[in-house]
PDB file of N, CA and C in Angstrom:
ATOM      1  N   MET A   1     173.542 231.822 142.761  1.00  0.00           N
ATOM      2  CA  MET A   1     174.202 231.253 143.904  1.00  0.00           C
ATOM      3  C   MET A   1     173.830 229.781 143.969  1.00  0.00           C
ATOM      4  N   LEU A   2     174.769 228.963 144.310  1.00  0.00           N
ATOM      5  CA  LEU A   2     174.558 227.530 144.401  1.00  0.00           C
ATOM      6  C   LEU A   2     174.948 227.070 145.791  1.00  0.00           C
ATOM      7  N   GLY A   3     174.073 226.305 146.406  1.00  0.00           N
ATOM      8  CA  GLY A   3     174.389 225.710 147.697  1.00  0.00           C
ATOM      9  C   GLY A   3     174.158 224.219 147.616  1.00  0.00           C
ATOM     10  N   LEU A   4     175.040 223.463 148.200  1.00  0.00           N
ATOM     11  CA  LEU A   4     174.910 222.009 148.213  1.00  0.00           C
ATOM     12  C   LEU A   4     174.783 221.539 149.651  1.00  0.00           C
ATOM     13  N   LEU A   5     173.872 220.628 149.877  1.00  0.00           N
ATOM     14  CA  LEU A   5     173.698 220.002 151.184  1.00  0.00           C
ATOM     15  C   LEU A   5     173.993 218.525 150.977  1.00  0.00           C
ATOM     16  N   VAL A   6     175.110 218.059 151.523  1.00  0.00           N
ATOM     17  CA  VAL A   6     175.542 216.689 151.273  1.00  0.00           C
ATOM     18  C   VAL A   6     175.757 215.948 152.585  1.00  0.00           C
ATOM     19  N   GLY A   7     175.703 214.635 152.521  1.00  0.00           N
ATOM     20  CA  GLY A   7     175.937 213.813 153.697  1.00  0.00           C
ATOM     21  C   GLY A   7     175.471 212.393 153.459  1.00  0.00           C
ATOM     22  N   LEU A   8     175.590 211.589 154.497  1.00  0.00           N
ATOM     23  CA  LEU A   8     175.186 210.191 154.417  1.00  0.00           C
ATOM     24  C   LEU A   8     173.669 210.074 154.274  1.00  0.00           C
ATOM     25  N   PRO A   9     173.178 208.950 153.730  1.00  0.00           N
ATOM     26  CA  PRO A   9     171.735 208.744 153.606  1.00  0.00           C
ATOM     27  C   PRO A   9     171.042 208.741 154.971  1.00  0.00           C
ATOM     28  N   ASP A  10     169.805 209.195 154.973  1.00  0.00           N
ATOM     29  CA  ASP A  10     168.944 209.148 156.157  1.00  0.00           C
ATOM     30  C   ASP A  10     169.492 209.902 157.359  1.00  0.00           C
ATOM     31  N   GLU A  11     170.166 211.016 157.102  1.00  0.00           N
ATOM     32  CA  GLU A  11     170.698 211.841 158.190  1.00  0.00           C
ATOM     33  C   GLU A  11     169.943 213.161 158.334  1.00  0.00           C
ATOM     34  N   GLY A  12     168.859 213.370 157.548  1.00  0.00           N
ATOM     35  CA  GLY A  12     168.034 214.563 157.707  1.00  0.00           C
ATOM     36  C   GLY A  12     168.225 215.653 156.677  1.00  0.00           C
ATOM     37  N   LYS A  13     168.954 215.379 155.600  1.00  0.00           N
ATOM     38  CA  LYS A  13     169.171 216.404 154.568  1.00  0.00           C
ATOM     39  C   LYS A  13     167.848 216.869 153.970  1.00  0.00           C
ATOM     40  N   GLY A  14     166.935 215.942 153.737  1.00  0.00           N
ATOM     41  CA  GLY A  14     165.636 216.294 153.155  1.00  0.00           C
ATOM     42  C   GLY A  14     164.833 217.207 154.058  1.00  0.00           C
ATOM     43  N   GLN A  15     164.890 216.961 155.349  1.00  0.00           N
ATOM     44  CA  GLN A  15     164.178 217.818 156.303  1.00  0.00           C
ATOM     45  C   GLN A  15     164.794 219.209 156.340  1.00  0.00           C
ATOM     46  N   ILE A  16     166.107 219.278 156.276  1.00  0.00           N
ATOM     47  CA  ILE A  16     166.784 220.576 156.297  1.00  0.00           C
ATOM     48  C   ILE A  16     166.432 221.385 155.054  1.00  0.00           C
ATOM     49  N   PHE A  17     166.491 220.755 153.872  1.00  0.00           N
ATOM     50  CA  PHE A  17     166.188 221.533 152.664  1.00  0.00           C
ATOM     51  C   PHE A  17     164.724 221.947 152.633  1.00  0.00           C
ATOM     52  N   ALA A  18     163.828 221.115 153.163  1.00  0.00           N
ATOM     53  CA  ALA A  18     162.412 221.489 153.200  1.00  0.00           C
ATOM     54  C   ALA A  18     162.219 222.708 154.101  1.00  0.00           C
ATOM     55  N   ASP A  19     162.889 222.720 155.236  1.00  0.00           N
ATOM     56  CA  ASP A  19     162.805 223.864 156.146  1.00  0.00           C
ATOM     57  C   ASP A  19     163.372 225.121 155.487  1.00  0.00           C
ATOM     58  N   MET A  20     164.513 224.996 154.831  1.00  0.00           N
ATOM     59  CA  MET A  20     165.123 226.144 154.157  1.00  0.00           C
ATOM     60  C   MET A  20     164.229 226.676 153.045  1.00  0.00           C
ATOM     61  N   ALA A  21     163.663 225.769 152.254  1.00  0.00           N
ATOM     62  CA  ALA A  21     162.776 226.185 151.167  1.00  0.00           C
ATOM     63  C   ALA A  21     161.539 226.887 151.716  1.00  0.00           C
ATOM     64  N   ALA A  22     161.012 226.381 152.825  1.00  0.00           N
ATOM     65  CA  ALA A  22     159.833 227.015 153.434  1.00  0.00           C
ATOM     66  C   ALA A  22     160.166 228.422 153.917  1.00  0.00           C
ATOM     67  N   ARG A  23     161.308 228.597 154.547  1.00  0.00           N
ATOM     68  CA  ARG A  23     161.699 229.918 155.035  1.00  0.00           C
ATOM     69  C   ARG A  23     161.869 230.908 153.884  1.00  0.00           C
ATOM     70  N   VAL A  24     162.481 230.447 152.792  1.00  0.00           N
ATOM     71  CA  VAL A  24     162.697 231.332 151.633  1.00  0.00           C
ATOM     72  C   VAL A  24     161.385 231.648 150.937  1.00  0.00           C
ATOM     73  N   THR A  25     160.556 230.639 150.688  1.00  0.00           N
ATOM     74  CA  THR A  25     159.319 230.892 149.935  1.00  0.00           C
ATOM     75  C   THR A  25     158.282 231.665 150.740  1.00  0.00           C
ATOM     76  N   ARG A  26     158.420 231.690 152.053  1.00  0.00           N
ATOM     77  CA  ARG A  26     157.492 232.445 152.907  1.00  0.00           C
ATOM     78  C   ARG A  26     158.117 233.708 153.484  1.00  0.00           C
ATOM     79  N   GLY A  27     159.419 233.913 153.240  1.00  0.00           N
ATOM     80  CA  GLY A  27     160.086 235.096 153.784  1.00  0.00           C
ATOM     81  C   GLY A  27     160.132 235.088 155.301  1.00  0.00           C
ATOM     82  N   ARG A  28     160.488 233.954 155.873  1.00  0.00           N
ATOM     83  CA  ARG A  28     160.475 233.798 157.331  1.00  0.00           C
ATOM     84  C   ARG A  28     161.859 233.960 157.934  1.00  0.00           C
ATOM     85  N   LYS A  29     161.871 234.052 159.253  1.00  0.00           N
ATOM     86  CA  LYS A  29     163.125 234.220 159.990  1.00  0.00           C
ATOM     87  C   LYS A  29     163.955 232.948 159.949  1.00  0.00           C
ATOM     88  N   TRP A  30     165.287 233.148 159.941  1.00  0.00           N
ATOM     89  CA  TRP A  30     166.223 232.047 160.076  1.00  0.00           C
ATOM     90  C   TRP A  30     166.377 231.738 161.563  1.00  0.00           C
ATOM     91  N   PRO A  31     166.798 230.541 161.902  1.00  0.00           N
ATOM     92  CA  PRO A  31     166.980 230.218 163.319  1.00  0.00           C
ATOM     93  C   PRO A  31     168.144 231.009 163.925  1.00  0.00           C
ATOM     94  N   CYS A  32     168.205 231.062 165.229  1.00  0.00           N
ATOM     95  CA  CYS A  32     169.324 231.661 165.971  1.00  0.00           C
ATOM     96  C   CYS A  32     169.476 233.162 165.711  1.00  0.00           C
ATOM     97  N   ASP A  33     168.371 233.853 165.467  1.00  0.00           N
ATOM     98  CA  ASP A  33     168.407 235.303 165.228  1.00  0.00           C
ATOM     99  C   ASP A  33     169.381 235.711 164.119  1.00  0.00           C
ATOM    100  N   GLU A  34     169.394 234.934 163.039  1.00  0.00           N
ATOM    101  CA  GLU A  34     170.290 235.217 161.914  1.00  0.00           C
ATOM    102  C   GLU A  34     169.630 236.082 160.845  1.00  0.00           C
ATOM    103  N   GLY A  35     168.490 236.662 161.151  1.00  0.00           N
ATOM    104  CA  GLY A  35     167.812 237.524 160.195  1.00  0.00           C
ATOM    105  C   GLY A  35     166.638 236.827 159.544  1.00  0.00           C
ATOM    106  N   THR A  36     166.096 237.499 158.546  1.00  0.00           N
ATOM    107  CA  THR A  36     164.934 236.991 157.825  1.00  0.00           C
ATOM    108  C   THR A  36     165.321 236.691 156.390  1.00  0.00           C
ATOM    109  N   ALA A  37     164.828 235.575 155.880  1.00  0.00           N
ATOM    110  CA  ALA A  37     165.085 235.223 154.485  1.00  0.00           C
ATOM    111  C   ALA A  37     164.281 236.149 153.586  1.00  0.00           C
ATOM    112  N   PRO A  38     164.915 236.732 152.567  1.00  0.00           N
ATOM    113  CA  PRO A  38     164.110 237.490 151.610  1.00  0.00           C
ATOM    114  C   PRO A  38     163.183 236.516 150.877  1.00  0.00           C
ATOM    115  N   GLN A  39     161.918 236.895 150.721  1.00  0.00           N
ATOM    116  CA  GLN A  39     160.967 236.006 150.048  1.00  0.00           C
ATOM    117  C   GLN A  39     161.437 235.756 148.633  1.00  0.00           C
ATOM    118  N   GLY A  40     161.454 234.482 148.230  1.00  0.00           N
ATOM    119  CA  GLY A  40     161.922 234.147 146.884  1.00  0.00           C
ATOM    120  C   GLY A  40     161.454 232.778 146.456  1.00  0.00           C
ATOM    121  N   ASN A  41     162.077 232.286 145.419  1.00  0.00           N
ATOM    122  CA  ASN A  41     161.759 230.989 144.839  1.00  0.00           C
ATOM    123  C   ASN A  41     162.864 229.996 145.147  1.00  0.00           C
ATOM    124  N   ALA A  42     162.567 228.707 144.972  1.00  0.00           N
ATOM    125  CA  ALA A  42     163.563 227.660 145.184  1.00  0.00           C
ATOM    126  C   ALA A  42     163.492 226.660 144.042  1.00  0.00           C
ATOM    127  N   ILE A  43     164.651 226.213 143.607  1.00  0.00           N
ATOM    128  CA  ILE A  43     164.756 225.130 142.632  1.00  0.00           C
ATOM    129  C   ILE A  43     165.375 223.957 143.364  1.00  0.00           C
ATOM    130  N   ILE A  44     164.692 222.827 143.339  1.00  0.00           N
ATOM    131  CA  ILE A  44     165.180 221.637 144.023  1.00  0.00           C
ATOM    132  C   ILE A  44     165.559 220.601 142.973  1.00  0.00           C
ATOM    133  N   LEU A  45     166.822 220.181 142.986  1.00  0.00           N
ATOM    134  CA  LEU A  45     167.298 219.131 142.096  1.00  0.00           C
ATOM    135  C   LEU A  45     167.283 217.831 142.893  1.00  0.00           C
ATOM    136  N   SER A  46     166.434 216.918 142.502  1.00  0.00           N
ATOM    137  CA  SER A  46     166.273 215.685 143.259  1.00  0.00           C
ATOM    138  C   SER A  46     166.370 214.490 142.333  1.00  0.00           C
ATOM    139  N   ALA A  47     167.474 213.776 142.423  1.00  0.00           N
ATOM    140  CA  ALA A  47     167.666 212.603 141.581  1.00  0.00           C
ATOM    141  C   ALA A  47     167.266 211.320 142.299  1.00  0.00           C
ATOM    142  N   GLU A  48     167.129 211.370 143.627  1.00  0.00           N
ATOM    143  CA  GLU A  48     166.857 210.150 144.380  1.00  0.00           C
ATOM    144  C   GLU A  48     165.429 210.068 144.904  1.00  0.00           C
ATOM    145  N   ASP A  49     164.966 211.122 145.560  1.00  0.00           N
ATOM    146  CA  ASP A  49     163.639 211.087 146.177  1.00  0.00           C
ATOM    147  C   ASP A  49     162.553 211.418 145.170  1.00  0.00           C
ATOM    148  N   ASP A  50     161.466 210.664 145.220  1.00  0.00           N
ATOM    149  CA  ASP A  50     160.323 210.899 144.341  1.00  0.00           C
ATOM    150  C   ASP A  50     159.607 212.177 144.780  1.00  0.00           C
ATOM    151  N   PRO A  51     159.356 213.106 143.859  1.00  0.00           N
ATOM    152  CA  PRO A  51     158.677 214.339 144.240  1.00  0.00           C
ATOM    153  C   PRO A  51     157.307 214.105 144.870  1.00  0.00           C
ATOM    154  N   CYS A  52     156.521 213.188 144.322  1.00  0.00           N
ATOM    155  CA  CYS A  52     155.142 213.000 144.793  1.00  0.00           C
ATOM    156  C   CYS A  52     155.046 212.375 146.172  1.00  0.00           C
ATOM    157  N   ASP A  53     155.856 211.371 146.455  1.00  0.00           N
ATOM    158  CA  ASP A  53     155.681 210.679 147.740  1.00  0.00           C
ATOM    159  C   ASP A  53     156.706 211.054 148.801  1.00  0.00           C
ATOM    160  N   THR A  54     157.705 211.860 148.451  1.00  0.00           N
ATOM    161  CA  THR A  54     158.728 212.222 149.438  1.00  0.00           C
ATOM    162  C   THR A  54     158.954 213.727 149.506  1.00  0.00           C
ATOM    163  N   VAL A  55     159.323 214.344 148.392  1.00  0.00           N
ATOM    164  CA  VAL A  55     159.726 215.761 148.402  1.00  0.00           C
ATOM    165  C   VAL A  55     158.557 216.680 148.730  1.00  0.00           C
ATOM    166  N   VAL A  56     157.460 216.571 147.998  1.00  0.00           N
ATOM    167  CA  VAL A  56     156.312 217.459 148.218  1.00  0.00           C
ATOM    168  C   VAL A  56     155.715 217.295 149.617  1.00  0.00           C
ATOM    169  N   PRO A  57     155.526 216.068 150.124  1.00  0.00           N
ATOM    170  CA  PRO A  57     155.030 215.965 151.504  1.00  0.00           C
ATOM    171  C   PRO A  57     155.943 216.639 152.537  1.00  0.00           C
ATOM    172  N   ARG A  58     157.250 216.537 152.361  1.00  0.00           N
ATOM    173  CA  ARG A  58     158.175 217.225 153.273  1.00  0.00           C
ATOM    174  C   ARG A  58     158.005 218.734 153.182  1.00  0.00           C
ATOM    175  N   LEU A  59     157.874 219.233 151.962  1.00  0.00           N
ATOM    176  CA  LEU A  59     157.694 220.681 151.778  1.00  0.00           C
ATOM    177  C   LEU A  59     156.385 221.151 152.395  1.00  0.00           C
ATOM    178  N   LYS A  60     155.325 220.375 152.221  1.00  0.00           N
ATOM    179  CA  LYS A  60     154.028 220.729 152.816  1.00  0.00           C
ATOM    180  C   LYS A  60     154.124 220.732 154.339  1.00  0.00           C
ATOM    181  N   ALA A  61     154.790 219.738 154.909  1.00  0.00           N
ATOM    182  CA  ALA A  61     154.928 219.668 156.363  1.00  0.00           C
ATOM    183  C   ALA A  61     155.705 220.862 156.908  1.00  0.00           C
ATOM    184  N   ALA A  62     156.639 221.386 156.103  1.00  0.00           N
ATOM    185  CA  ALA A  62     157.420 222.553 156.516  1.00  0.00           C
ATOM    186  C   ALA A  62     156.693 223.860 156.210  1.00  0.00           C
ATOM    187  N   ASP A  63     155.510 223.772 155.587  1.00  0.00           N
ATOM    188  CA  ASP A  63     154.687 224.920 155.206  1.00  0.00           C
ATOM    189  C   ASP A  63     155.344 225.792 154.135  1.00  0.00           C
ATOM    190  N   ALA A  64     156.017 225.145 153.189  1.00  0.00           N
ATOM    191  CA  ALA A  64     156.593 225.874 152.065  1.00  0.00           C
ATOM    192  C   ALA A  64     155.486 226.303 151.109  1.00  0.00           C
ATOM    193  N   ASP A  65     155.705 227.407 150.383  1.00  0.00           N
ATOM    194  CA  ASP A  65     154.770 227.857 149.350  1.00  0.00           C
ATOM    195  C   ASP A  65     155.129 227.103 148.067  1.00  0.00           C
ATOM    196  N   LEU A  66     154.395 226.068 147.754  1.00  0.00           N
ATOM    197  CA  LEU A  66     154.718 225.199 146.618  1.00  0.00           C
ATOM    198  C   LEU A  66     154.669 225.918 145.280  1.00  0.00           C
ATOM    199  N   VAL A  67     153.933 227.034 145.210  1.00  0.00           N
ATOM    200  CA  VAL A  67     153.880 227.820 143.969  1.00  0.00           C
ATOM    201  C   VAL A  67     155.263 228.394 143.649  1.00  0.00           C
ATOM    202  N   CYS A  68     156.063 228.608 144.671  1.00  0.00           N
ATOM    203  CA  CYS A  68     157.386 229.230 144.510  1.00  0.00           C
ATOM    204  C   CYS A  68     158.504 228.203 144.382  1.00  0.00           C
ATOM    205  N   ILE A  69     158.159 226.931 144.195  1.00  0.00           N
ATOM    206  CA  ILE A  69     159.176 225.876 144.140  1.00  0.00           C
ATOM    207  C   ILE A  69     159.083 225.121 142.829  1.00  0.00           C
ATOM    208  N   GLU A  70     160.227 224.895 142.217  1.00  0.00           N
ATOM    209  CA  GLU A  70     160.332 224.081 141.005  1.00  0.00           C
ATOM    210  C   GLU A  70     161.189 222.869 141.364  1.00  0.00           C
ATOM    211  N   ILE A  71     160.659 221.680 141.120  1.00  0.00           N
ATOM    212  CA  ILE A  71     161.395 220.445 141.398  1.00  0.00           C
ATOM    213  C   ILE A  71     161.850 219.856 140.070  1.00  0.00           C
ATOM    214  N   VAL A  72     163.154 219.654 139.929  1.00  0.00           N
ATOM    215  CA  VAL A  72     163.725 219.110 138.695  1.00  0.00           C
ATOM    216  C   VAL A  72     164.270 217.723 138.995  1.00  0.00           C
ATOM    217  N   SER A  73     163.740 216.717 138.306  1.00  0.00           N
ATOM    218  CA  SER A  73     164.224 215.351 138.453  1.00  0.00           C
ATOM    219  C   SER A  73     164.917 214.881 137.183  1.00  0.00           C
ATOM    220  N   MET A  74     164.292 215.141 136.065  1.00  0.00           N
ATOM    221  CA  MET A  74     164.829 214.728 134.772  1.00  0.00           C
ATOM    222  C   MET A  74     164.803 215.925 133.819  1.00  0.00           C
ATOM    223  N   VAL A  75     165.714 215.927 132.866  1.00  0.00           N
ATOM    224  CA  VAL A  75     165.726 216.961 131.835  1.00  0.00           C
ATOM    225  C   VAL A  75     165.685 216.284 130.475  1.00  0.00           C
ATOM    226  N   ARG A  76     165.166 217.007 129.504  1.00  0.00           N
ATOM    227  CA  ARG A  76     165.089 216.472 128.149  1.00  0.00           C
ATOM    228  C   ARG A  76     166.327 216.901 127.372  1.00  0.00           C
ATOM    229  N   ALA A  77     166.980 215.927 126.756  1.00  0.00           N
ATOM    230  CA  ALA A  77     168.134 216.168 125.889  1.00  0.00           C
ATOM    231  C   ALA A  77     167.776 215.570 124.526  1.00  0.00           C
ATOM    232  N   GLY A  78     167.337 216.442 123.630  1.00  0.00           N
ATOM    233  CA  GLY A  78     166.848 215.956 122.342  1.00  0.00           C
ATOM    234  C   GLY A  78     165.535 215.231 122.544  1.00  0.00           C
ATOM    235  N   ASP A  79     165.478 213.959 122.155  1.00  0.00           N
ATOM    236  CA  ASP A  79     164.251 213.192 122.340  1.00  0.00           C
ATOM    237  C   ASP A  79     164.344 212.218 123.518  1.00  0.00           C
ATOM    238  N   LYS A  80     165.381 212.360 124.353  1.00  0.00           N
ATOM    239  CA  LYS A  80     165.569 211.488 125.504  1.00  0.00           C
ATOM    240  C   LYS A  80     165.554 212.278 126.800  1.00  0.00           C
ATOM    241  N   GLU A  81     165.213 211.594 127.884  1.00  0.00           N
ATOM    242  CA  GLU A  81     165.292 212.199 129.208  1.00  0.00           C
ATOM    243  C   GLU A  81     166.507 211.640 129.936  1.00  0.00           C
ATOM    244  N   ARG A  82     167.134 212.492 130.749  1.00  0.00           N
ATOM    245  CA  ARG A  82     168.281 212.049 131.546  1.00  0.00           C
ATOM    246  C   ARG A  82     168.235 212.773 132.887  1.00  0.00           C
ATOM    247  N   MET A  83     169.025 212.284 133.837  1.00  0.00           N
ATOM    248  CA  MET A  83     169.132 212.944 135.140  1.00  0.00           C
ATOM    249  C   MET A  83     169.775 214.306 134.951  1.00  0.00           C
ATOM    250  N   PHE A  84     169.391 215.244 135.794  1.00  0.00           N
ATOM    251  CA  PHE A  84     169.984 216.569 135.766  1.00  0.00           C
ATOM    252  C   PHE A  84     171.425 216.470 136.233  1.00  0.00           C
ATOM    253  N   SER A  85     172.310 217.205 135.601  1.00  0.00           N
ATOM    254  CA  SER A  85     173.716 217.216 135.973  1.00  0.00           C
ATOM    255  C   SER A  85     174.253 218.628 135.904  1.00  0.00           C
ATOM    256  N   LEU A  86     175.033 219.015 136.906  1.00  0.00           N
ATOM    257  CA  LEU A  86     175.689 220.321 136.887  1.00  0.00           C
ATOM    258  C   LEU A  86     176.965 220.293 136.069  1.00  0.00           C
ATOM    259  N   VAL A  87     177.378 219.116 135.634  1.00  0.00           N
ATOM    260  CA  VAL A  87     178.566 218.970 134.804  1.00  0.00           C
ATOM    261  C   VAL A  87     178.151 219.146 133.358  1.00  0.00           C
ATOM    262  N   SER A  88     178.892 219.960 132.632  1.00  0.00           N
ATOM    263  CA  SER A  88     178.509 220.197 131.225  1.00  0.00           C
ATOM    264  C   SER A  88     179.136 219.197 130.291  1.00  0.00           C
TER     265      SER A  88
END
C-alpha cells in the first residue's frame, strides 16, 4: 500500500507523518475513535529533510519506535547514488 502526504512547504506534513509513524510502530489508537493501528513498520522516503537533524528528532518527539522505521534518502544505482524515485 502506498500513501502520499503532499502540500505546500512548512504546513505540517512532517509532523503528521511523524505522528502516523509513531502510531503504527507502537500500535496505538488513531484519533477520532477510528480504531487502533496494527503494530508494524514504516518506510519513510525523504528527499528534502535531513534524517539526522529533522526527521529523527520529529519521530522521537512523536515517540515512534525507531527500530521499526527505515528512512530512505538515497539509493545506489551501480556505483553512483541518486535520489529515490517511484518512477521506473
